[in-house]
Amino acid sequence: MPDTTLPPRPRQRDPDQTRRSILEAALSEFAEKGLSGARVDEIAARTATTKRMIYYYFGSKEGLYAAVLEAMYGGIRAAEQALDLGSLDPVAAMRRLVEITFDYHAAHPEFVRMVAVENIHNARHLEHAPLVADRNDTVIRTLRDLLDRGERAGVFRARVDAVDLHMLISGFCFYRVSNRHTLQRIFGRDLTAPAHVAAHRRMITEAVLAWLRPER
């Protein structure tokens, strides 16, 4: 009898999974070598795809770099949006927001490095990542809401600028990661040690809340 068994169908490529795999590989490559030093060949080698497929999805190395930036900013904004801040009083909500900002930076040094690299390039690639501005606007709206709630409750000082507050919070969280190597070399302090991480987490949280208290 003739063999009527059908040959196995080729496995269909999942476009979303392929795109995610490329972004993950590209993040490692860009964070390690920067935009100019990164090679698309190396990114393709890290994934089960090809250089041609990368260009198909992202257009160019610069387009891929912009997409990685977009994904990284999306990660921290998603972590913030996952918080149920509306169920907390303003002080507790602000504390939680500062803590999650600290935690994200500490857990994602590659995000810090990508932002530092983009600043070297004068942020010109963010022009090709339009979602970044929209996503970052969400944290400013969240801060503005918390500041308004806290001011009405009499627990936060009046007329605090939400962008300034965002810079205050992010500045310390970013600096201790971006400069961890030089700080360790100069001061002999390993900022990734659990004791230092816990101490710095408390420090930035208490510093922000102390600054927000109304003047008596």
N, C-alpha and C. Protein backbone atom coordinates (compact mmCIF):
# COMPACT_ATOMS: atom_id res chain seq x y z
N MET A 1 0.84 -1.19 0.00
CA MET A 1 0.00 0.00 0.00
C MET A 1 0.88 1.25 0.00
N PRO A 2 0.44 2.26 -0.75
CA PRO A 2 1.25 3.49 -0.77
C PRO A 2 1.20 4.18 0.58
N ASP A 3 2.27 4.84 0.88
CA ASP A 3 2.36 5.58 2.15
C ASP A 3 1.54 6.86 2.01
N THR A 4 0.43 6.92 2.76
CA THR A 4 -0.45 8.10 2.69
C THR A 4 -0.18 9.09 3.81
N THR A 5 0.88 8.84 4.58
CA THR A 5 1.20 9.76 5.67
C THR A 5 1.67 11.10 5.11
N LEU A 6 1.03 12.15 5.57
CA LEU A 6 1.41 13.48 5.10
C LEU A 6 2.72 13.91 5.72
N PRO A 7 3.57 14.56 4.97
CA PRO A 7 4.82 15.07 5.56
C PRO A 7 4.51 16.12 6.61
N PRO A 8 5.32 16.20 7.63
CA PRO A 8 5.06 17.22 8.67
C PRO A 8 5.07 18.61 8.08
N ARG A 9 4.11 19.41 8.52
CA ARG A 9 4.04 20.79 8.05
C ARG A 9 5.17 21.60 8.68
N PRO A 10 5.78 22.47 7.92
CA PRO A 10 6.84 23.30 8.51
C PRO A 10 6.27 24.15 9.64
N ARG A 11 7.04 24.25 10.69
CA ARG A 11 6.58 25.01 11.85
C ARG A 11 6.47 26.49 11.48
N GLN A 12 5.33 27.06 11.78
CA GLN A 12 5.10 28.46 11.47
C GLN A 12 5.88 29.36 12.42
N ARG A 13 6.49 30.37 11.87
CA ARG A 13 7.23 31.31 12.69
C ARG A 13 6.26 32.27 13.37
N ASP A 14 6.42 32.46 14.65
CA ASP A 14 5.59 33.40 15.41
C ASP A 14 6.24 34.78 15.29
N PRO A 15 5.61 35.70 14.54
CA PRO A 15 6.25 37.01 14.33
C PRO A 15 6.51 37.76 15.63
N ASP A 16 5.56 37.69 16.57
CA ASP A 16 5.74 38.41 17.84
C ASP A 16 6.91 37.84 18.62
N GLN A 17 7.01 36.50 18.67
CA GLN A 17 8.10 35.87 19.40
C GLN A 17 9.44 36.17 18.72
N THR A 18 9.44 36.15 17.39
CA THR A 18 10.68 36.47 16.66
C THR A 18 11.12 37.89 16.98
N ARG A 19 10.17 38.80 16.97
CA ARG A 19 10.50 40.20 17.26
C ARG A 19 11.04 40.36 18.68
N ARG A 20 10.39 39.67 19.64
CA ARG A 20 10.86 39.74 21.03
C ARG A 20 12.27 39.18 21.16
N SER A 21 12.54 38.06 20.48
CA SER A 21 13.87 37.45 20.55
C SER A 21 14.93 38.38 19.99
N ILE A 22 14.60 39.05 18.89
CA ILE A 22 15.54 39.99 18.29
C ILE A 22 15.81 41.15 19.25
N LEU A 23 14.75 41.67 19.85
CA LEU A 23 14.90 42.80 20.78
C LEU A 23 15.76 42.41 21.98
N GLU A 24 15.55 41.21 22.50
CA GLU A 24 16.34 40.76 23.66
C GLU A 24 17.82 40.63 23.29
N ALA A 25 18.07 40.05 22.14
CA ALA A 25 19.46 39.89 21.69
C ALA A 25 20.09 41.25 21.40
N ALA A 26 19.31 42.14 20.80
CA ALA A 26 19.83 43.47 20.47
C ALA A 26 20.12 44.26 21.74
N LEU A 27 19.28 44.11 22.75
CA LEU A 27 19.53 44.82 24.01
C LEU A 27 20.88 44.43 24.59
N SER A 28 21.18 43.14 24.60
CA SER A 28 22.47 42.68 25.13
C SER A 28 23.62 43.26 24.31
N GLU A 29 23.48 43.26 22.99
CA GLU A 29 24.53 43.74 22.12
C GLU A 29 24.73 45.25 22.25
N PHE A 30 23.63 46.02 22.24
CA PHE A 30 23.73 47.47 22.35
C PHE A 30 24.22 47.91 23.72
N ALA A 31 23.72 47.24 24.77
CA ALA A 31 24.13 47.61 26.13
C ALA A 31 25.61 47.34 26.35
N GLU A 32 26.11 46.29 25.70
CA GLU A 32 27.51 45.91 25.88
C GLU A 32 28.45 46.77 25.03
N LYS A 33 28.03 47.11 23.81
CA LYS A 33 28.95 47.73 22.85
C LYS A 33 28.52 49.10 22.36
N GLY A 34 27.32 49.55 22.75
CA GLY A 34 26.83 50.82 22.24
C GLY A 34 26.32 50.68 20.82
N LEU A 35 25.78 51.76 20.28
CA LEU A 35 25.23 51.70 18.93
C LEU A 35 26.31 51.49 17.88
N SER A 36 27.38 52.26 17.95
CA SER A 36 28.40 52.17 16.91
C SER A 36 29.14 50.85 16.94
N GLY A 37 29.36 50.28 18.12
CA GLY A 37 30.12 49.04 18.22
C GLY A 37 29.30 47.79 17.99
N ALA A 38 27.99 47.88 18.11
CA ALA A 38 27.13 46.71 17.94
C ALA A 38 27.09 46.29 16.48
N ARG A 39 26.99 44.98 16.25
CA ARG A 39 26.93 44.44 14.89
C ARG A 39 25.64 43.64 14.72
N VAL A 40 24.95 43.91 13.63
CA VAL A 40 23.71 43.19 13.35
C VAL A 40 23.99 41.70 13.16
N ASP A 41 25.14 41.35 12.59
CA ASP A 41 25.51 39.95 12.43
C ASP A 41 25.55 39.24 13.79
N GLU A 42 26.10 39.92 14.79
CA GLU A 42 26.17 39.34 16.12
C GLU A 42 24.79 39.18 16.74
N ILE A 43 23.92 40.15 16.50
CA ILE A 43 22.55 40.07 17.01
C ILE A 43 21.83 38.89 16.37
N ALA A 44 22.00 38.72 15.07
CA ALA A 44 21.38 37.59 14.38
C ALA A 44 21.92 36.26 14.93
N ALA A 45 23.21 36.23 15.23
CA ALA A 45 23.82 35.00 15.73
C ALA A 45 23.29 34.62 17.11
N ARG A 46 22.81 35.60 17.86
CA ARG A 46 22.26 35.34 19.20
C ARG A 46 20.84 34.79 19.13
N THR A 47 20.23 34.84 17.95
CA THR A 47 18.84 34.42 17.80
C THR A 47 18.74 33.39 16.69
N ALA A 48 17.57 32.75 16.60
CA ALA A 48 17.32 31.79 15.51
C ALA A 48 16.73 32.52 14.32
N THR A 49 17.42 33.56 13.89
CA THR A 49 16.92 34.33 12.76
C THR A 49 18.10 34.79 11.92
N THR A 50 17.86 35.67 10.98
CA THR A 50 18.91 36.11 10.07
C THR A 50 19.00 37.63 10.07
N LYS A 51 20.11 38.12 9.54
CA LYS A 51 20.29 39.56 9.40
C LYS A 51 19.20 40.15 8.51
N ARG A 52 18.85 39.42 7.47
CA ARG A 52 17.80 39.89 6.56
C ARG A 52 16.47 40.03 7.31
N MET A 53 16.17 39.07 8.20
CA MET A 53 14.92 39.14 8.95
C MET A 53 14.92 40.33 9.91
N ILE A 54 16.06 40.62 10.48
CA ILE A 54 16.16 41.78 11.37
C ILE A 54 15.84 43.06 10.62
N TYR A 55 16.39 43.19 9.43
CA TYR A 55 16.10 44.38 8.63
C TYR A 55 14.64 44.41 8.18
N TYR A 56 14.06 43.23 7.98
CA TYR A 56 12.64 43.16 7.61
C TYR A 56 11.77 43.74 8.71
N TYR A 57 12.08 43.38 9.96
CA TYR A 57 11.27 43.84 11.09
C TYR A 57 11.57 45.29 11.47
N PHE A 58 12.82 45.71 11.40
CA PHE A 58 13.21 46.98 11.99
C PHE A 58 13.81 47.99 11.00
N GLY A 59 14.07 47.58 9.78
CA GLY A 59 14.50 48.52 8.75
C GLY A 59 15.99 48.78 8.70
N SER A 60 16.61 48.95 9.86
CA SER A 60 18.03 49.28 9.92
C SER A 60 18.54 49.04 11.33
N LYS A 61 19.85 49.14 11.50
CA LYS A 61 20.41 49.00 12.85
C LYS A 61 19.89 50.12 13.75
N GLU A 62 19.79 51.32 13.20
CA GLU A 62 19.29 52.44 13.98
C GLU A 62 17.82 52.24 14.36
N GLY A 63 17.05 51.66 13.44
CA GLY A 63 15.65 51.37 13.73
C GLY A 63 15.51 50.33 14.82
N LEU A 64 16.38 49.34 14.81
CA LEU A 64 16.38 48.32 15.87
C LEU A 64 16.77 48.94 17.20
N TYR A 65 17.78 49.80 17.17
CA TYR A 65 18.22 50.48 18.39
C TYR A 65 17.09 51.31 18.99
N ALA A 66 16.35 52.03 18.13
CA ALA A 66 15.22 52.83 18.61
C ALA A 66 14.14 51.94 19.20
N ALA A 67 13.91 50.78 18.60
CA ALA A 67 12.91 49.86 19.11
C ALA A 67 13.31 49.30 20.47
N VAL A 68 14.61 49.05 20.66
CA VAL A 68 15.09 48.58 21.96
C VAL A 68 14.88 49.67 23.02
N LEU A 69 15.19 50.91 22.69
CA LEU A 69 14.95 52.01 23.61
C LEU A 69 13.48 52.08 24.00
N GLU A 70 12.62 51.94 23.02
CA GLU A 70 11.18 51.99 23.25
C GLU A 70 10.76 50.87 24.20
N ALA A 71 11.29 49.68 23.98
CA ALA A 71 10.94 48.54 24.82
C ALA A 71 11.43 48.72 26.24
N MET A 72 12.64 49.27 26.40
CA MET A 72 13.19 49.46 27.74
C MET A 72 12.41 50.50 28.53
N TYR A 73 12.08 51.61 27.91
CA TYR A 73 11.26 52.61 28.59
C TYR A 73 9.88 52.03 28.89
N GLY A 74 9.37 51.23 27.96
CA GLY A 74 8.08 50.60 28.20
C GLY A 74 8.10 49.69 29.41
N GLY A 75 9.24 49.05 29.67
CA GLY A 75 9.34 48.15 30.82
C GLY A 75 9.17 48.86 32.15
N ILE A 76 9.85 49.98 32.33
CA ILE A 76 9.74 50.69 33.60
C ILE A 76 8.38 51.34 33.76
N ARG A 77 7.83 51.83 32.64
CA ARG A 77 6.50 52.43 32.72
C ARG A 77 5.44 51.38 33.03
N ALA A 78 5.59 50.16 32.48
CA ALA A 78 4.65 49.08 32.76
C ALA A 78 4.72 48.68 34.23
N ALA A 79 5.92 48.65 34.78
CA ALA A 79 6.07 48.32 36.21
C ALA A 79 5.36 49.34 37.08
N GLU A 80 5.45 50.61 36.70
CA GLU A 80 4.77 51.66 37.46
C GLU A 80 3.26 51.55 37.34
N GLN A 81 2.79 51.30 36.12
CA GLN A 81 1.35 51.24 35.89
C GLN A 81 0.72 50.02 36.55
N ALA A 82 1.51 49.00 36.84
CA ALA A 82 0.98 47.80 37.49
C ALA A 82 0.68 48.03 38.97
N LEU A 83 1.18 49.13 39.52
CA LEU A 83 0.94 49.42 40.93
C LEU A 83 -0.49 49.92 41.14
N ASP A 84 -1.10 49.49 42.21
CA ASP A 84 -2.46 49.94 42.54
C ASP A 84 -2.36 51.15 43.46
N LEU A 85 -1.87 52.27 42.92
CA LEU A 85 -1.61 53.44 43.74
C LEU A 85 -2.89 54.12 44.21
N GLY A 86 -3.95 53.96 43.44
CA GLY A 86 -5.21 54.62 43.81
C GLY A 86 -5.81 54.11 45.10
N SER A 87 -5.43 52.90 45.51
CA SER A 87 -5.98 52.34 46.75
C SER A 87 -5.16 52.74 47.97
N LEU A 88 -4.04 53.46 47.76
CA LEU A 88 -3.16 53.84 48.86
C LEU A 88 -3.30 55.33 49.15
N ASP A 89 -3.00 55.71 50.39
CA ASP A 89 -2.95 57.14 50.69
C ASP A 89 -1.75 57.75 49.99
N PRO A 90 -1.72 59.09 49.81
CA PRO A 90 -0.66 59.70 48.99
C PRO A 90 0.75 59.38 49.44
N VAL A 91 1.00 59.34 50.73
CA VAL A 91 2.36 59.06 51.21
C VAL A 91 2.75 57.62 50.89
N ALA A 92 1.85 56.69 51.18
CA ALA A 92 2.15 55.28 50.91
C ALA A 92 2.31 55.04 49.41
N ALA A 93 1.48 55.71 48.61
CA ALA A 93 1.57 55.56 47.16
C ALA A 93 2.89 56.12 46.63
N MET A 94 3.30 57.29 47.13
CA MET A 94 4.56 57.87 46.69
C MET A 94 5.73 56.97 47.10
N ARG A 95 5.67 56.45 48.30
CA ARG A 95 6.72 55.53 48.76
C ARG A 95 6.82 54.33 47.82
N ARG A 96 5.69 53.78 47.45
CA ARG A 96 5.69 52.60 46.58
C ARG A 96 6.25 52.93 45.20
N LEU A 97 5.91 54.10 44.71
CA LEU A 97 6.40 54.50 43.38
C LEU A 97 7.91 54.70 43.39
N VAL A 98 8.43 55.33 44.43
CA VAL A 98 9.89 55.51 44.54
C VAL A 98 10.57 54.14 44.63
N GLU A 99 10.01 53.25 45.42
CA GLU A 99 10.62 51.92 45.59
C GLU A 99 10.67 51.16 44.28
N ILE A 100 9.58 51.20 43.50
CA ILE A 100 9.58 50.43 42.25
C ILE A 100 10.53 51.06 41.24
N THR A 101 10.69 52.38 41.28
CA THR A 101 11.67 53.04 40.40
C THR A 101 13.08 52.59 40.76
N PHE A 102 13.37 52.57 42.04
CA PHE A 102 14.68 52.10 42.50
C PHE A 102 14.90 50.65 42.08
N ASP A 103 13.91 49.81 42.33
CA ASP A 103 14.04 48.38 42.04
C ASP A 103 14.28 48.13 40.56
N TYR A 104 13.59 48.87 39.70
CA TYR A 104 13.74 48.64 38.27
C TYR A 104 15.16 49.00 37.81
N HIS A 105 15.65 50.14 38.26
CA HIS A 105 17.00 50.53 37.88
C HIS A 105 18.03 49.52 38.40
N ALA A 106 17.86 49.08 39.64
CA ALA A 106 18.82 48.14 40.22
C ALA A 106 18.80 46.80 39.50
N ALA A 107 17.62 46.39 39.04
CA ALA A 107 17.49 45.08 38.39
C ALA A 107 17.80 45.12 36.90
N HIS A 108 17.87 46.32 36.31
CA HIS A 108 18.07 46.44 34.87
C HIS A 108 19.20 47.41 34.54
N PRO A 109 20.44 47.05 34.87
CA PRO A 109 21.57 47.93 34.53
C PRO A 109 21.68 48.17 33.03
N GLU A 110 21.15 47.22 32.23
CA GLU A 110 21.19 47.42 30.77
C GLU A 110 20.31 48.60 30.35
N PHE A 111 19.22 48.83 31.06
CA PHE A 111 18.38 49.99 30.79
C PHE A 111 19.16 51.28 31.05
N VAL A 112 19.85 51.32 32.17
CA VAL A 112 20.65 52.49 32.52
C VAL A 112 21.72 52.73 31.46
N ARG A 113 22.36 51.67 31.02
CA ARG A 113 23.42 51.82 30.02
C ARG A 113 22.84 52.32 28.70
N MET A 114 21.68 51.80 28.31
CA MET A 114 21.06 52.24 27.05
C MET A 114 20.71 53.73 27.10
N VAL A 115 20.18 54.19 28.23
CA VAL A 115 19.85 55.61 28.36
C VAL A 115 21.11 56.45 28.32
N ALA A 116 22.17 55.97 28.96
CA ALA A 116 23.44 56.70 28.94
C ALA A 116 24.00 56.79 27.52
N VAL A 117 23.91 55.70 26.78
CA VAL A 117 24.39 55.70 25.39
C VAL A 117 23.58 56.67 24.55
N GLU A 118 22.27 56.68 24.74
CA GLU A 118 21.43 57.58 23.95
C GLU A 118 21.73 59.04 24.27
N ASN A 119 22.09 59.34 25.50
CA ASN A 119 22.49 60.70 25.83
C ASN A 119 23.79 61.09 25.14
N ILE A 120 24.69 60.14 24.96
CA ILE A 120 25.90 60.41 24.20
C ILE A 120 25.55 60.81 22.77
N HIS A 121 24.48 60.22 22.25
CA HIS A 121 24.03 60.54 20.89
C HIS A 121 23.04 61.71 20.87
N ASN A 122 22.98 62.46 21.98
CA ASN A 122 22.11 63.64 22.06
C ASN A 122 20.63 63.31 21.85
N ALA A 123 20.27 62.08 22.20
CA ALA A 123 18.87 61.62 22.15
C ALA A 123 18.26 61.69 20.75
N ARG A 124 19.09 61.67 19.72
CA ARG A 124 18.53 61.83 18.38
C ARG A 124 17.74 60.61 17.91
N HIS A 125 18.01 59.44 18.47
CA HIS A 125 17.28 58.25 18.04
C HIS A 125 15.90 58.16 18.66
N LEU A 126 15.66 58.93 19.71
CA LEU A 126 14.32 58.95 20.29
C LEU A 126 13.30 59.55 19.33
N GLU A 127 13.77 60.28 18.35
CA GLU A 127 12.86 60.79 17.32
C GLU A 127 12.18 59.64 16.58
N HIS A 128 12.85 58.50 16.53
CA HIS A 128 12.31 57.33 15.83
C HIS A 128 11.65 56.35 16.80
N ALA A 129 11.44 56.79 18.02
CA ALA A 129 10.75 55.97 19.03
C ALA A 129 9.64 56.80 19.66
N PRO A 130 8.59 57.10 18.88
CA PRO A 130 7.56 58.03 19.35
C PRO A 130 6.81 57.57 20.59
N LEU A 131 6.78 56.27 20.83
CA LEU A 131 6.05 55.78 22.01
C LEU A 131 6.74 56.15 23.32
N VAL A 132 8.03 56.45 23.26
CA VAL A 132 8.76 56.77 24.48
C VAL A 132 8.17 58.00 25.16
N ALA A 133 7.93 59.05 24.39
CA ALA A 133 7.37 60.27 24.97
C ALA A 133 6.00 60.02 25.57
N ASP A 134 5.17 59.26 24.85
CA ASP A 134 3.83 58.96 25.35
C ASP A 134 3.89 58.15 26.64
N ARG A 135 4.76 57.14 26.66
CA ARG A 135 4.86 56.29 27.84
C ARG A 135 5.43 57.05 29.03
N ASN A 136 6.41 57.91 28.77
CA ASN A 136 6.99 58.66 29.87
C ASN A 136 6.02 59.70 30.41
N ASP A 137 5.10 60.13 29.59
CA ASP A 137 4.09 61.08 30.06
C ASP A 137 3.20 60.46 31.12
N THR A 138 3.07 59.12 31.09
CA THR A 138 2.21 58.46 32.08
C THR A 138 2.76 58.62 33.50
N VAL A 139 4.09 58.54 33.66
CA VAL A 139 4.65 58.67 35.00
C VAL A 139 4.51 60.10 35.50
N ILE A 140 4.58 61.08 34.61
CA ILE A 140 4.38 62.47 35.03
C ILE A 140 2.94 62.69 35.46
N ARG A 141 2.00 62.11 34.74
CA ARG A 141 0.60 62.22 35.15
C ARG A 141 0.36 61.53 36.48
N THR A 142 1.00 60.39 36.67
CA THR A 142 0.87 59.67 37.95
C THR A 142 1.42 60.51 39.10
N LEU A 143 2.60 61.08 38.90
CA LEU A 143 3.19 61.93 39.94
C LEU A 143 2.32 63.15 40.21
N ARG A 144 1.80 63.75 39.13
CA ARG A 144 0.97 64.94 39.30
C ARG A 144 -0.28 64.61 40.12
N ASP A 145 -0.87 63.45 39.85
CA ASP A 145 -2.05 63.02 40.61
C ASP A 145 -1.71 62.81 42.08
N LEU A 146 -0.57 62.15 42.34
CA LEU A 146 -0.17 61.92 43.74
C LEU A 146 0.13 63.24 44.44
N LEU A 147 0.79 64.15 43.75
CA LEU A 147 1.10 65.45 44.34
C LEU A 147 -0.17 66.23 44.66
N ASP A 148 -1.13 66.20 43.76
CA ASP A 148 -2.39 66.90 44.00
C ASP A 148 -3.15 66.29 45.17
N ARG A 149 -3.17 64.96 45.22
CA ARG A 149 -3.85 64.29 46.34
C ARG A 149 -3.16 64.61 47.66
N GLY A 150 -1.83 64.58 47.65
CA GLY A 150 -1.09 64.86 48.87
C GLY A 150 -1.22 66.30 49.32
N GLU A 151 -1.28 67.22 48.34
CA GLU A 151 -1.45 68.64 48.69
C GLU A 151 -2.83 68.88 49.31
N ARG A 152 -3.85 68.27 48.71
CA ARG A 152 -5.20 68.43 49.26
C ARG A 152 -5.31 67.83 50.66
N ALA A 153 -4.59 66.74 50.90
CA ALA A 153 -4.62 66.10 52.22
C ALA A 153 -3.73 66.79 53.23
N GLY A 154 -2.92 67.76 52.78
CA GLY A 154 -2.03 68.48 53.67
C GLY A 154 -0.78 67.74 54.05
N VAL A 155 -0.42 66.71 53.26
CA VAL A 155 0.78 65.92 53.60
C VAL A 155 1.94 66.20 52.65
N PHE A 156 1.67 66.90 51.54
CA PHE A 156 2.74 67.29 50.60
C PHE A 156 2.75 68.80 50.45
N ARG A 157 3.94 69.35 50.23
CA ARG A 157 4.06 70.77 50.01
C ARG A 157 3.36 71.17 48.70
N ALA A 158 3.06 72.43 48.58
CA ALA A 158 2.32 72.92 47.42
C ALA A 158 3.26 73.22 46.25
N ARG A 159 2.71 73.16 45.05
CA ARG A 159 3.35 73.61 43.82
C ARG A 159 4.67 72.89 43.51
N VAL A 160 4.69 71.59 43.75
CA VAL A 160 5.86 70.80 43.35
C VAL A 160 5.71 70.43 41.87
N ASP A 161 6.73 70.64 41.09
CA ASP A 161 6.71 70.30 39.68
C ASP A 161 6.95 68.80 39.51
N ALA A 162 6.05 68.14 38.78
CA ALA A 162 6.13 66.68 38.64
C ALA A 162 7.38 66.23 37.90
N VAL A 163 7.80 67.00 36.91
CA VAL A 163 9.03 66.63 36.17
C VAL A 163 10.25 66.77 37.08
N ASP A 164 10.29 67.84 37.89
CA ASP A 164 11.40 68.00 38.83
C ASP A 164 11.45 66.84 39.81
N LEU A 165 10.29 66.43 40.29
CA LEU A 165 10.25 65.31 41.24
C LEU A 165 10.71 64.02 40.55
N HIS A 166 10.29 63.82 39.32
CA HIS A 166 10.73 62.65 38.56
C HIS A 166 12.26 62.64 38.43
N MET A 167 12.85 63.80 38.17
CA MET A 167 14.30 63.89 38.06
C MET A 167 14.98 63.60 39.39
N LEU A 168 14.39 64.07 40.47
CA LEU A 168 14.96 63.81 41.80
C LEU A 168 14.98 62.32 42.09
N ILE A 169 13.88 61.65 41.81
CA ILE A 169 13.79 60.21 42.09
C ILE A 169 14.72 59.42 41.18
N SER A 170 14.59 59.67 39.88
CA SER A 170 15.35 58.89 38.90
C SER A 170 16.85 59.17 38.97
N GLY A 171 17.20 60.41 39.33
CA GLY A 171 18.61 60.79 39.34
C GLY A 171 19.45 59.89 40.23
N PHE A 172 19.02 59.68 41.46
CA PHE A 172 19.79 58.84 42.37
C PHE A 172 19.75 57.39 41.93
N CYS A 173 18.55 56.91 41.54
CA CYS A 173 18.41 55.52 41.12
C CYS A 173 19.30 55.22 39.92
N PHE A 174 19.40 56.17 39.02
CA PHE A 174 20.20 56.01 37.81
C PHE A 174 21.70 56.09 38.13
N TYR A 175 22.10 57.08 38.88
CA TYR A 175 23.51 57.36 39.13
C TYR A 175 24.21 56.20 39.84
N ARG A 176 23.54 55.61 40.81
CA ARG A 176 24.20 54.55 41.58
C ARG A 176 24.42 53.30 40.73
N VAL A 177 23.66 53.17 39.63
CA VAL A 177 23.87 52.05 38.71
C VAL A 177 24.86 52.45 37.61
N SER A 178 24.65 53.62 37.01
CA SER A 178 25.52 54.03 35.90
C SER A 178 26.97 54.21 36.33
N ASN A 179 27.19 54.62 37.59
CA ASN A 179 28.55 54.90 38.07
C ASN A 179 29.04 53.86 39.07
N ARG A 180 28.42 52.71 39.11
CA ARG A 180 28.78 51.73 40.13
C ARG A 180 30.22 51.26 40.01
N HIS A 181 30.74 51.19 38.81
CA HIS A 181 32.11 50.69 38.63
C HIS A 181 33.14 51.72 39.11
N THR A 182 32.95 52.97 38.74
CA THR A 182 33.89 53.99 39.19
C THR A 182 33.77 54.21 40.70
N LEU A 183 32.55 54.15 41.22
CA LEU A 183 32.38 54.32 42.67
C LEU A 183 33.05 53.19 43.44
N GLN A 184 32.97 51.99 42.90
CA GLN A 184 33.63 50.87 43.57
C GLN A 184 35.15 51.02 43.51
N ARG A 185 35.64 51.45 42.36
CA ARG A 185 37.09 51.62 42.22
C ARG A 185 37.61 52.72 43.14
N ILE A 186 36.86 53.82 43.25
CA ILE A 186 37.32 54.97 44.04
C ILE A 186 37.12 54.74 45.54
N PHE A 187 35.93 54.24 45.91
CA PHE A 187 35.60 54.15 47.33
C PHE A 187 35.64 52.72 47.88
N GLY A 188 35.88 51.74 46.99
CA GLY A 188 35.94 50.36 47.45
C GLY A 188 34.62 49.84 47.94
N ARG A 189 33.53 50.34 47.38
CA ARG A 189 32.20 49.95 47.85
C ARG A 189 31.44 49.27 46.71
N ASP A 190 31.00 48.04 46.97
CA ASP A 190 30.23 47.28 45.98
C ASP A 190 28.76 47.65 46.13
N LEU A 191 28.26 48.46 45.21
CA LEU A 191 26.88 48.94 45.32
C LEU A 191 25.85 47.88 44.99
N THR A 192 26.29 46.72 44.51
CA THR A 192 25.35 45.63 44.27
C THR A 192 25.18 44.74 45.49
N ALA A 193 25.97 44.97 46.54
CA ALA A 193 25.84 44.17 47.77
C ALA A 193 24.47 44.41 48.39
N PRO A 194 23.79 43.36 48.83
CA PRO A 194 22.43 43.50 49.35
C PRO A 194 22.28 44.57 50.44
N ALA A 195 23.26 44.69 51.32
CA ALA A 195 23.15 45.67 52.40
C ALA A 195 23.13 47.09 51.85
N HIS A 196 23.97 47.36 50.85
CA HIS A 196 24.00 48.71 50.25
C HIS A 196 22.73 48.97 49.44
N VAL A 197 22.26 47.96 48.74
CA VAL A 197 21.03 48.12 47.96
C VAL A 197 19.87 48.48 48.89
N ALA A 198 19.73 47.75 49.99
CA ALA A 198 18.63 48.00 50.93
C ALA A 198 18.77 49.39 51.56
N ALA A 199 19.98 49.77 51.91
CA ALA A 199 20.20 51.07 52.54
C ALA A 199 19.88 52.21 51.58
N HIS A 200 20.30 52.08 50.35
CA HIS A 200 20.05 53.13 49.35
C HIS A 200 18.57 53.22 49.00
N ARG A 201 17.91 52.08 48.98
CA ARG A 201 16.45 52.07 48.72
C ARG A 201 15.72 52.86 49.80
N ARG A 202 16.10 52.63 51.05
CA ARG A 202 15.48 53.39 52.16
C ARG A 202 15.85 54.86 52.05
N MET A 203 17.10 55.14 51.74
CA MET A 203 17.58 56.51 51.72
C MET A 203 16.84 57.36 50.70
N ILE A 204 16.70 56.90 49.45
CA ILE A 204 16.04 57.72 48.44
C ILE A 204 14.56 57.86 48.76
N THR A 205 13.95 56.82 49.30
CA THR A 205 12.53 56.91 49.65
C THR A 205 12.30 57.94 50.75
N GLU A 206 13.09 57.86 51.80
CA GLU A 206 12.91 58.80 52.91
C GLU A 206 13.31 60.22 52.50
N ALA A 207 14.30 60.36 51.65
CA ALA A 207 14.72 61.69 51.19
C ALA A 207 13.60 62.37 50.40
N VAL A 208 12.97 61.62 49.51
CA VAL A 208 11.88 62.18 48.71
C VAL A 208 10.71 62.57 49.60
N LEU A 209 10.33 61.68 50.51
CA LEU A 209 9.18 61.96 51.37
C LEU A 209 9.47 63.13 52.32
N ALA A 210 10.70 63.23 52.79
CA ALA A 210 11.06 64.35 53.66
C ALA A 210 10.99 65.67 52.90
N TRP A 211 11.45 65.68 51.66
CA TRP A 211 11.41 66.91 50.86
C TRP A 211 9.97 67.32 50.53
N LEU A 212 9.09 66.34 50.40
CA LEU A 212 7.71 66.64 50.03
C LEU A 212 6.86 67.14 51.21
N ARG A 213 7.36 66.92 52.43
CA ARG A 213 6.55 67.37 53.57
C ARG A 213 6.34 68.86 53.55
N PRO A 214 5.14 69.32 53.91
CA PRO A 214 4.86 70.77 53.90
C PRO A 214 5.75 71.51 54.89
N GLU A 215 6.11 72.71 54.53
CA GLU A 215 6.90 73.53 55.44
C GLU A 215 5.98 74.04 56.55
N ARG A 216 6.49 73.99 57.75
CA ARG A 216 5.68 74.41 58.91
C ARG A 216 6.01 75.84 59.30
